[in-house]
Amino acid sequence: MSIVDQPHSKYRHVYVVVRVELDFDREYPDNSVSVTKVFDREEDAASEIVRMNKLNGKMGYRYLVCVGRVDGHASR
């Protein structure tokens, strides 16, 4: 099943792989969440989280997919 049923009419969707440290530092919680990769295809992101959860799951990391939007007008 798809994360998002309908694409946004204005922005292209991307699939963002996020790593969460399960034993996060409550004083600095921002240091416990990282974007690791961004994919154009949901299937590629889903495969990556399965791979990374197998590889690093026992180290206290959890990987998940979030949907993001690409703003074609953003400056570089």
Protein backbone atom coordinates (compact mmCIF):
# COMPACT_ATOMS: atom_id res chain seq x y z
CA MET A 1 0.00 0.00 0.00
CA SER A 2 1.24 3.43 -0.90
CA ILE A 3 2.28 5.95 1.74
CA VAL A 4 0.44 8.66 -0.15
CA ASP A 5 -2.51 7.89 -2.39
CA GLN A 6 -2.51 11.15 -4.32
CA PRO A 7 0.50 13.20 -5.40
CA HIS A 8 0.47 16.87 -4.56
CA SER A 9 -0.80 18.93 -7.50
CA LYS A 10 1.95 21.53 -7.19
CA TYR A 11 5.04 19.70 -5.91
CA ARG A 12 6.82 16.48 -6.85
CA HIS A 13 6.86 13.89 -4.07
CA VAL A 14 10.05 12.29 -2.80
CA TYR A 15 10.44 9.51 -0.27
CA VAL A 16 12.75 10.40 2.59
CA VAL A 17 14.51 7.71 4.64
CA VAL A 18 14.81 8.89 8.24
CA ARG A 19 16.95 7.29 10.95
CA VAL A 20 15.73 7.57 14.55
CA GLU A 21 17.98 6.69 17.48
CA LEU A 22 15.73 4.83 19.89
CA ASP A 23 17.89 5.75 22.87
CA PHE A 24 17.77 9.46 22.10
CA ASP A 25 19.30 12.23 24.16
CA ARG A 26 16.41 14.11 25.77
CA GLU A 27 18.57 17.21 26.18
CA TYR A 28 19.40 17.30 22.44
CA PRO A 29 16.63 15.34 20.68
CA ASP A 30 17.42 16.96 17.31
CA ASN A 31 20.67 14.98 17.26
CA SER A 32 18.67 11.74 17.34
CA VAL A 33 16.89 12.08 14.00
CA SER A 34 18.67 12.13 10.65
CA VAL A 35 17.69 12.11 7.00
CA THR A 36 19.86 9.43 5.43
CA LYS A 37 18.65 9.28 1.82
CA VAL A 38 15.98 10.64 -0.48
CA PHE A 39 14.41 8.58 -3.27
CA ASP A 40 12.15 9.37 -6.21
CA ARG A 41 10.40 6.02 -5.94
CA GLU A 42 8.54 4.74 -2.90
CA GLU A 43 9.60 1.16 -3.64
CA ASP A 44 13.29 2.10 -3.47
CA ALA A 45 12.81 3.85 -0.13
CA ALA A 46 10.89 0.87 1.25
CA SER A 47 13.68 -1.51 0.21
CA GLU A 48 16.26 0.76 1.82
CA ILE A 49 14.50 0.84 5.19
CA VAL A 50 14.24 -2.95 5.22
CA ARG A 51 17.95 -3.22 4.44
CA MET A 52 19.00 -0.61 7.01
CA ASN A 53 16.75 -1.95 9.77
CA LYS A 54 18.35 -5.39 9.29
CA LEU A 55 21.84 -3.90 9.25
CA ASN A 56 21.54 -1.41 12.13
CA GLY A 57 18.40 -2.39 14.03
CA LYS A 58 20.34 -4.08 16.84
CA MET A 59 22.41 -0.91 17.30
CA GLY A 60 19.35 1.01 18.47
CA TYR A 61 18.37 2.67 15.19
CA ARG A 62 15.02 2.54 13.46
CA TYR A 63 14.54 3.59 9.84
CA LEU A 64 11.27 4.81 8.37
CA VAL A 65 9.98 6.53 5.27
CA CYS A 66 8.39 9.98 5.21
CA VAL A 67 6.96 11.74 2.20
CA GLY A 68 8.50 15.06 1.25
CA ARG A 69 7.88 17.56 -1.49
CA VAL A 70 10.38 19.14 -3.83
CA ASP A 71 9.95 22.85 -4.29
CA GLY A 72 11.15 23.50 -7.84
CA HIS A 73 11.50 27.19 -7.03
CA ALA A 74 13.88 26.79 -4.09
CA SER A 75 17.21 28.48 -4.53
CA ARG A 76 20.36 26.41 -4.43
